[in-house]
């Protein structure tokens, strides 16, 4: 989930890369630049307040979704929601889901 409900995020294509920008009082700050393979996922993260990394769109493997969730958390723009438990012993919930409750990590 986003670290603040009023946080304004935008994604931007830069050739073979995609950026995640945060709007601040002092202007736009580039928070993350990553290969455009993650473009759909970055656009999704920029518009959603809360989501599960497994819901990130695009042609990303589960490991890539998890790694991208970790990168988003490292920016400080998102935080992991710990009240939901990952499904099974090896599951990884990352950021919480905007999917219907039955599809969320429990």
N, C-alpha and C. Protein backbone atom coordinates (compact mmCIF):
# COMPACT_ATOMS: atom_id res chain seq x y z
N UNK A 1 0.84 -1.16 0.00
CA UNK A 1 0.00 0.00 0.00
C UNK A 1 0.89 1.24 0.00
N UNK A 2 0.35 2.32 -0.51
CA UNK A 2 1.14 3.55 -0.54
C UNK A 2 1.38 4.03 0.89
N UNK A 3 2.51 4.67 1.08
CA UNK A 3 2.85 5.15 2.41
C UNK A 3 2.00 6.34 2.84
N UNK A 4 1.37 7.02 1.88
CA UNK A 4 0.48 8.13 2.20
C UNK A 4 -0.64 8.19 1.17
N UNK A 5 -1.87 8.36 1.65
CA UNK A 5 -3.04 8.33 0.76
C UNK A 5 -3.04 9.45 -0.27
N UNK A 6 -2.38 10.57 0.00
CA UNK A 6 -2.36 11.70 -0.93
C UNK A 6 -1.16 11.70 -1.88
N UNK A 7 -0.35 10.67 -1.79
CA UNK A 7 0.83 10.56 -2.65
C UNK A 7 0.40 10.44 -4.11
N UNK A 8 0.95 11.31 -4.96
CA UNK A 8 0.64 11.29 -6.40
C UNK A 8 1.82 10.68 -7.14
N UNK A 9 1.54 9.58 -7.84
CA UNK A 9 2.57 8.87 -8.59
C UNK A 9 2.21 8.86 -10.07
N UNK A 10 3.24 8.87 -10.91
CA UNK A 10 3.04 8.79 -12.36
C UNK A 10 4.12 7.88 -12.94
N UNK A 11 3.78 7.22 -14.02
CA UNK A 11 4.79 6.46 -14.74
C UNK A 11 5.10 7.19 -16.04
N UNK A 12 6.29 6.94 -16.54
CA UNK A 12 6.75 7.65 -17.74
C UNK A 12 7.65 6.72 -18.52
N UNK A 13 7.39 6.61 -19.84
CA UNK A 13 8.24 5.81 -20.71
C UNK A 13 9.45 6.62 -21.13
N UNK A 14 10.60 5.98 -21.08
CA UNK A 14 11.87 6.60 -21.48
C UNK A 14 12.61 5.63 -22.39
N UNK A 15 12.15 5.47 -23.61
CA UNK A 15 12.81 4.54 -24.53
C UNK A 15 12.64 3.11 -24.08
N UNK A 16 13.74 2.46 -23.75
CA UNK A 16 13.70 1.07 -23.30
C UNK A 16 13.53 0.95 -21.80
N UNK A 17 13.25 2.06 -21.15
CA UNK A 17 13.07 2.08 -19.70
C UNK A 17 11.72 2.72 -19.36
N UNK A 18 11.28 2.50 -18.13
CA UNK A 18 10.08 3.15 -17.62
C UNK A 18 10.43 3.70 -16.24
N UNK A 19 9.91 4.89 -15.95
CA UNK A 19 10.19 5.55 -14.67
C UNK A 19 8.93 5.62 -13.83
N UNK A 20 9.12 5.60 -12.52
CA UNK A 20 8.06 5.88 -11.57
C UNK A 20 8.43 7.20 -10.90
N UNK A 21 7.57 8.19 -11.05
CA UNK A 21 7.81 9.52 -10.52
C UNK A 21 6.83 9.83 -9.40
N UNK A 22 7.29 10.61 -8.43
CA UNK A 22 6.43 11.10 -7.36
C UNK A 22 6.32 12.61 -7.49
N UNK A 23 5.11 13.12 -7.38
CA UNK A 23 4.88 14.56 -7.42
C UNK A 23 5.06 15.10 -6.00
N UNK A 24 5.89 16.15 -5.85
CA UNK A 24 6.13 16.76 -4.55
C UNK A 24 5.85 18.26 -4.65
N UNK A 25 5.90 18.92 -3.52
CA UNK A 25 5.74 20.38 -3.52
C UNK A 25 6.85 21.06 -4.29
N UNK A 26 8.00 20.40 -4.38
CA UNK A 26 9.16 20.97 -5.08
C UNK A 26 9.29 20.45 -6.51
N UNK A 27 8.27 19.78 -7.00
CA UNK A 27 8.31 19.26 -8.36
C UNK A 27 8.33 17.75 -8.39
N UNK A 28 8.58 17.20 -9.56
CA UNK A 28 8.57 15.76 -9.78
C UNK A 28 9.92 15.17 -9.44
N UNK A 29 9.88 14.04 -8.75
CA UNK A 29 11.11 13.31 -8.39
C UNK A 29 11.02 11.91 -8.98
N UNK A 30 12.04 11.53 -9.73
CA UNK A 30 12.11 10.17 -10.26
C UNK A 30 12.53 9.25 -9.13
N UNK A 31 11.69 8.27 -8.84
CA UNK A 31 11.95 7.35 -7.73
C UNK A 31 12.52 6.01 -8.18
N UNK A 32 12.20 5.61 -9.41
CA UNK A 32 12.61 4.30 -9.89
C UNK A 32 12.69 4.35 -11.40
N UNK A 33 13.72 3.71 -11.96
CA UNK A 33 13.86 3.54 -13.40
C UNK A 33 14.17 2.06 -13.61
N UNK A 34 13.39 1.43 -14.50
CA UNK A 34 13.53 -0.01 -14.70
C UNK A 34 13.23 -0.31 -16.17
N UNK A 35 13.65 -1.47 -16.63
CA UNK A 35 13.42 -1.88 -18.01
C UNK A 35 11.93 -1.88 -18.36
N UNK A 36 11.64 -1.56 -19.62
CA UNK A 36 10.24 -1.41 -20.02
C UNK A 36 9.45 -2.72 -20.00
N UNK A 37 10.10 -3.86 -19.73
CA UNK A 37 9.37 -5.11 -19.55
C UNK A 37 8.42 -4.98 -18.37
N UNK A 38 8.75 -4.10 -17.44
CA UNK A 38 7.93 -3.88 -16.24
C UNK A 38 6.99 -2.69 -16.41
N UNK A 39 6.87 -2.17 -17.62
CA UNK A 39 6.07 -0.97 -17.86
C UNK A 39 4.62 -1.08 -17.41
N UNK A 40 3.96 -2.18 -17.75
CA UNK A 40 2.56 -2.34 -17.35
C UNK A 40 2.44 -2.42 -15.83
N UNK A 41 3.38 -3.08 -15.20
CA UNK A 41 3.35 -3.22 -13.74
C UNK A 41 3.60 -1.87 -13.06
N UNK A 42 4.51 -1.07 -13.59
CA UNK A 42 4.78 0.25 -13.00
C UNK A 42 3.57 1.16 -13.19
N UNK A 43 2.93 1.11 -14.35
CA UNK A 43 1.72 1.92 -14.57
C UNK A 43 0.63 1.51 -13.59
N UNK A 44 0.48 0.21 -13.35
CA UNK A 44 -0.50 -0.31 -12.40
C UNK A 44 -0.19 0.20 -10.99
N UNK A 45 1.07 0.09 -10.58
CA UNK A 45 1.47 0.54 -9.24
C UNK A 45 1.25 2.04 -9.08
N UNK A 46 1.45 2.79 -10.16
CA UNK A 46 1.28 4.25 -10.09
C UNK A 46 -0.18 4.65 -9.88
N UNK A 47 -1.11 3.82 -10.32
CA UNK A 47 -2.52 4.22 -10.19
C UNK A 47 -3.25 3.55 -9.03
N UNK A 48 -2.71 2.47 -8.47
CA UNK A 48 -3.39 1.74 -7.39
C UNK A 48 -2.86 2.17 -6.02
N UNK A 49 -3.76 2.33 -5.07
CA UNK A 49 -3.37 2.66 -3.69
C UNK A 49 -2.86 1.43 -2.95
N UNK A 50 -3.45 0.29 -3.23
CA UNK A 50 -3.13 -0.94 -2.51
C UNK A 50 -3.28 -2.11 -3.49
N UNK A 51 -2.33 -3.05 -3.45
CA UNK A 51 -2.37 -4.18 -4.38
C UNK A 51 -1.48 -5.30 -3.90
N UNK A 52 -1.68 -6.45 -4.50
CA UNK A 52 -0.87 -7.63 -4.25
C UNK A 52 0.14 -7.70 -5.39
N UNK A 53 1.38 -7.98 -5.09
CA UNK A 53 2.39 -8.05 -6.16
C UNK A 53 2.04 -9.11 -7.20
N UNK A 54 1.28 -10.13 -6.80
CA UNK A 54 0.88 -11.16 -7.76
C UNK A 54 -0.13 -10.63 -8.76
N UNK A 55 -0.71 -9.46 -8.49
CA UNK A 55 -1.67 -8.85 -9.41
C UNK A 55 -0.99 -7.91 -10.41
N UNK A 56 0.33 -7.73 -10.30
CA UNK A 56 1.03 -6.84 -11.22
C UNK A 56 0.91 -7.39 -12.64
N UNK A 57 0.42 -6.57 -13.57
CA UNK A 57 0.22 -7.04 -14.94
C UNK A 57 1.53 -7.07 -15.72
N UNK A 58 1.43 -7.69 -16.87
CA UNK A 58 2.60 -7.79 -17.75
C UNK A 58 3.11 -9.22 -17.77
N UNK A 59 4.13 -9.43 -18.53
CA UNK A 59 4.69 -10.76 -18.69
C UNK A 59 5.83 -10.96 -17.70
N UNK A 60 5.50 -10.90 -16.39
CA UNK A 60 6.50 -11.05 -15.34
C UNK A 60 6.30 -12.38 -14.63
N UNK A 61 7.41 -13.05 -14.33
CA UNK A 61 7.33 -14.28 -13.54
C UNK A 61 7.00 -13.92 -12.10
N UNK A 62 6.65 -14.91 -11.30
CA UNK A 62 6.38 -14.66 -9.88
C UNK A 62 7.60 -14.06 -9.19
N UNK A 63 8.79 -14.57 -9.53
CA UNK A 63 10.02 -14.03 -8.94
C UNK A 63 10.22 -12.57 -9.33
N UNK A 64 9.91 -12.24 -10.59
CA UNK A 64 10.04 -10.84 -11.04
C UNK A 64 9.01 -9.95 -10.36
N UNK A 65 7.79 -10.46 -10.18
CA UNK A 65 6.78 -9.68 -9.46
C UNK A 65 7.23 -9.42 -8.03
N UNK A 66 7.76 -10.44 -7.38
CA UNK A 66 8.24 -10.29 -6.00
C UNK A 66 9.39 -9.30 -5.94
N UNK A 67 10.34 -9.41 -6.88
CA UNK A 67 11.48 -8.49 -6.90
C UNK A 67 11.01 -7.06 -7.14
N UNK A 68 10.04 -6.88 -8.03
CA UNK A 68 9.52 -5.54 -8.29
C UNK A 68 8.80 -5.00 -7.05
N UNK A 69 8.05 -5.85 -6.36
CA UNK A 69 7.41 -5.44 -5.10
C UNK A 69 8.44 -4.98 -4.09
N UNK A 70 9.56 -5.70 -4.01
CA UNK A 70 10.64 -5.30 -3.10
C UNK A 70 11.24 -3.95 -3.50
N UNK A 71 11.45 -3.75 -4.82
CA UNK A 71 11.98 -2.46 -5.30
C UNK A 71 11.02 -1.31 -4.99
N UNK A 72 9.73 -1.55 -5.19
CA UNK A 72 8.73 -0.51 -4.89
C UNK A 72 8.76 -0.16 -3.40
N UNK A 73 8.91 -1.17 -2.57
CA UNK A 73 8.99 -0.93 -1.13
C UNK A 73 10.26 -0.15 -0.78
N UNK A 74 11.36 -0.47 -1.43
CA UNK A 74 12.63 0.21 -1.17
C UNK A 74 12.59 1.70 -1.52
N UNK A 75 11.70 2.10 -2.43
CA UNK A 75 11.59 3.52 -2.77
C UNK A 75 11.04 4.33 -1.60
N UNK A 76 10.34 3.65 -0.67
CA UNK A 76 9.70 4.35 0.43
C UNK A 76 8.31 4.85 0.08
N UNK A 77 7.87 4.61 -1.16
CA UNK A 77 6.54 5.04 -1.60
C UNK A 77 5.47 4.03 -1.22
N UNK A 78 5.88 2.79 -1.02
CA UNK A 78 4.97 1.71 -0.69
C UNK A 78 5.47 1.00 0.57
N UNK A 79 4.55 0.41 1.27
CA UNK A 79 4.92 -0.38 2.44
C UNK A 79 4.19 -1.72 2.39
N UNK A 80 4.86 -2.71 2.89
CA UNK A 80 4.29 -4.05 2.96
C UNK A 80 3.22 -4.06 4.05
N UNK A 81 2.12 -4.71 3.77
CA UNK A 81 1.05 -4.82 4.76
C UNK A 81 1.17 -6.19 5.39
N UNK A 82 1.46 -6.23 6.68
CA UNK A 82 1.76 -7.50 7.33
C UNK A 82 0.55 -8.18 7.95
N UNK A 83 -0.63 -7.55 7.93
CA UNK A 83 -1.78 -8.19 8.56
C UNK A 83 -2.32 -9.37 7.76
N UNK A 84 -1.90 -9.52 6.52
CA UNK A 84 -2.31 -10.66 5.71
C UNK A 84 -1.16 -11.64 5.65
N UNK A 85 -1.46 -12.93 5.85
CA UNK A 85 -0.42 -13.94 5.81
C UNK A 85 -0.33 -14.54 4.42
N UNK A 86 0.87 -14.81 3.95
CA UNK A 86 1.02 -15.44 2.64
C UNK A 86 0.38 -16.82 2.62
N UNK A 87 -0.15 -17.24 1.47
CA UNK A 87 -0.74 -18.58 1.38
C UNK A 87 0.35 -19.64 1.36
N UNK A 88 0.30 -20.57 2.25
CA UNK A 88 1.27 -21.66 2.28
C UNK A 88 2.61 -21.23 2.85
N UNK A 89 3.48 -22.19 3.13
CA UNK A 89 4.75 -21.89 3.78
C UNK A 89 5.72 -21.09 2.93
N UNK A 90 5.64 -21.20 1.60
CA UNK A 90 6.61 -20.51 0.75
C UNK A 90 6.01 -19.28 0.09
N UNK A 91 4.79 -18.92 0.43
CA UNK A 91 4.12 -17.79 -0.24
C UNK A 91 4.74 -16.46 0.12
N UNK A 92 4.51 -15.49 -0.73
CA UNK A 92 5.00 -14.14 -0.49
C UNK A 92 3.89 -13.18 -0.89
N UNK A 93 3.39 -12.46 0.08
CA UNK A 93 2.27 -11.57 -0.21
C UNK A 93 2.76 -10.23 -0.74
N UNK A 94 3.92 -9.76 -0.31
CA UNK A 94 4.40 -8.46 -0.75
C UNK A 94 3.45 -7.37 -0.32
N UNK A 95 2.92 -6.63 -1.24
CA UNK A 95 1.97 -5.58 -0.96
C UNK A 95 0.59 -6.22 -0.97
N UNK A 96 -0.33 -5.67 -0.21
CA UNK A 96 -1.63 -6.31 -0.05
C UNK A 96 -2.49 -6.18 -1.30
N UNK A 97 -3.46 -7.02 -1.42
CA UNK A 97 -4.25 -7.14 -2.63
C UNK A 97 -5.39 -6.15 -2.75
N UNK A 98 -5.66 -5.73 -3.97
CA UNK A 98 -6.89 -4.99 -4.26
C UNK A 98 -7.89 -5.94 -4.90
N UNK A 99 -7.54 -7.22 -4.95
CA UNK A 99 -8.43 -8.23 -5.50
C UNK A 99 -9.54 -8.53 -4.49
N UNK A 100 -10.60 -9.20 -4.93
CA UNK A 100 -11.64 -9.58 -3.97
C UNK A 100 -11.06 -10.35 -2.79
N UNK A 101 -11.68 -10.23 -1.66
CA UNK A 101 -11.17 -10.77 -0.41
C UNK A 101 -10.76 -12.25 -0.53
N UNK A 102 -11.53 -13.07 -1.25
CA UNK A 102 -11.19 -14.49 -1.35
C UNK A 102 -9.88 -14.72 -2.09
N UNK A 103 -9.39 -13.73 -2.85
CA UNK A 103 -8.13 -13.88 -3.58
C UNK A 103 -6.95 -13.25 -2.85
N UNK A 104 -7.19 -12.63 -1.72
CA UNK A 104 -6.10 -12.01 -0.97
C UNK A 104 -5.30 -13.03 -0.20
N UNK A 105 -4.08 -12.64 0.16
CA UNK A 105 -3.29 -13.44 1.08
C UNK A 105 -4.02 -13.42 2.41
N UNK A 106 -4.04 -14.51 3.12
CA UNK A 106 -4.72 -14.55 4.42
C UNK A 106 -3.76 -14.93 5.50
